[in-house]
Amino acid sequence: MISAMVREKLIKTDDEAHSAQEIKKIMTLFLKHEEGIDQKVRTKIATIKRGIPEYSREWDVLYEQYYNEEMDKLK
């Protein structure tokens, strides 16, 4: 994977093993935060009194809106 990224000039590195470790750390951290954000967003939608069916068009719109709001808080 790292070799392909170097070949395609997406990254520059002298130490592919170290780069792979760093990418893994970053991705693990991202997925941890993403999982927490997903749960917050689902909880927020579930607490809307009129009840919004999961995966309906309205639910999808709200999910995207709330998800983006939570991601913005991390910046």
Protein backbone atom coordinates (compact mmCIF):
# COMPACT_ATOMS: atom_id res chain seq x y z
CA MET A 1 0.00 0.00 0.00
CA ILE A 2 2.71 2.50 0.96
CA SER A 3 4.79 1.50 -2.05
CA ALA A 4 1.86 2.20 -4.35
CA MET A 5 1.29 5.60 -2.75
CA VAL A 6 4.97 6.47 -3.23
CA ARG A 7 4.88 5.26 -6.87
CA GLU A 8 1.81 7.39 -7.55
CA LYS A 9 3.57 10.34 -5.84
CA LEU A 10 0.79 10.69 -3.29
CA ILE A 11 3.32 10.64 -0.46
CA LYS A 12 7.08 10.95 0.00
CA THR A 13 8.80 8.78 2.55
CA ASP A 14 12.19 7.32 3.27
CA ASP A 15 10.82 4.84 5.80
CA GLU A 16 7.84 2.88 4.52
CA ALA A 17 7.46 0.84 7.72
CA HIS A 18 7.27 3.97 9.88
CA SER A 19 4.84 5.59 7.45
CA ALA A 20 2.60 2.53 7.57
CA GLN A 21 2.59 2.65 11.39
CA GLU A 22 1.66 6.34 11.36
CA ILE A 23 -1.14 5.79 8.85
CA LYS A 24 -2.49 2.94 10.98
CA LYS A 25 -2.44 5.14 14.11
CA ILE A 26 -4.24 7.95 12.34
CA MET A 27 -6.87 5.66 10.85
CA THR A 28 -7.49 3.95 14.19
CA LEU A 29 -7.96 7.31 15.89
CA PHE A 30 -10.28 8.49 13.12
CA LEU A 31 -12.42 5.35 13.32
CA LYS A 32 -12.65 5.67 17.10
CA HIS A 33 -13.92 9.24 16.79
CA GLU A 34 -16.20 8.35 13.89
CA GLU A 35 -17.82 5.57 15.89
CA GLY A 36 -18.55 7.96 18.76
CA ILE A 37 -19.93 10.57 16.40
CA ASP A 38 -22.18 8.01 14.74
CA GLN A 39 -23.64 7.06 18.12
CA LYS A 40 -24.20 10.72 19.11
CA VAL A 41 -25.96 11.44 15.84
CA ARG A 42 -28.19 8.37 16.08
CA THR A 43 -29.12 9.27 19.65
CA LYS A 44 -29.90 12.85 18.65
CA ILE A 45 -32.20 11.69 15.84
CA ALA A 46 -33.87 9.10 18.08
CA THR A 47 -34.80 11.77 20.63
CA ILE A 48 -36.88 13.74 18.11
CA LYS A 49 -40.41 13.37 19.49
CA ARG A 50 -42.29 12.85 16.25
CA GLY A 51 -40.20 9.79 15.45
CA ILE A 52 -38.27 9.62 12.23
CA PRO A 53 -38.01 6.20 10.59
CA GLU A 54 -34.41 5.10 10.34
CA TYR A 55 -32.97 5.43 6.83
CA SER A 56 -35.93 7.44 5.55
CA ARG A 57 -35.03 10.44 3.40
CA GLU A 58 -35.56 12.79 6.36
CA TRP A 59 -33.43 10.57 8.62
CA ASP A 60 -30.63 10.57 6.03
CA VAL A 61 -30.71 14.37 5.72
CA LEU A 62 -30.66 14.84 9.50
CA TYR A 63 -27.93 12.25 9.90
CA GLU A 64 -25.71 14.05 7.40
CA GLN A 65 -26.41 17.44 8.97
CA TYR A 66 -25.75 16.30 12.55
CA TYR A 67 -22.73 14.25 11.49
CA ASN A 68 -21.16 17.26 9.78
CA GLU A 69 -21.86 19.41 12.84
CA GLU A 70 -20.09 16.90 15.09
CA MET A 71 -17.15 16.61 12.72
CA ASP A 72 -16.83 20.40 12.66
CA LYS A 73 -16.54 20.36 16.46
CA LEU A 74 -13.43 18.19 16.15
CA LYS A 75 -11.61 20.68 13.94
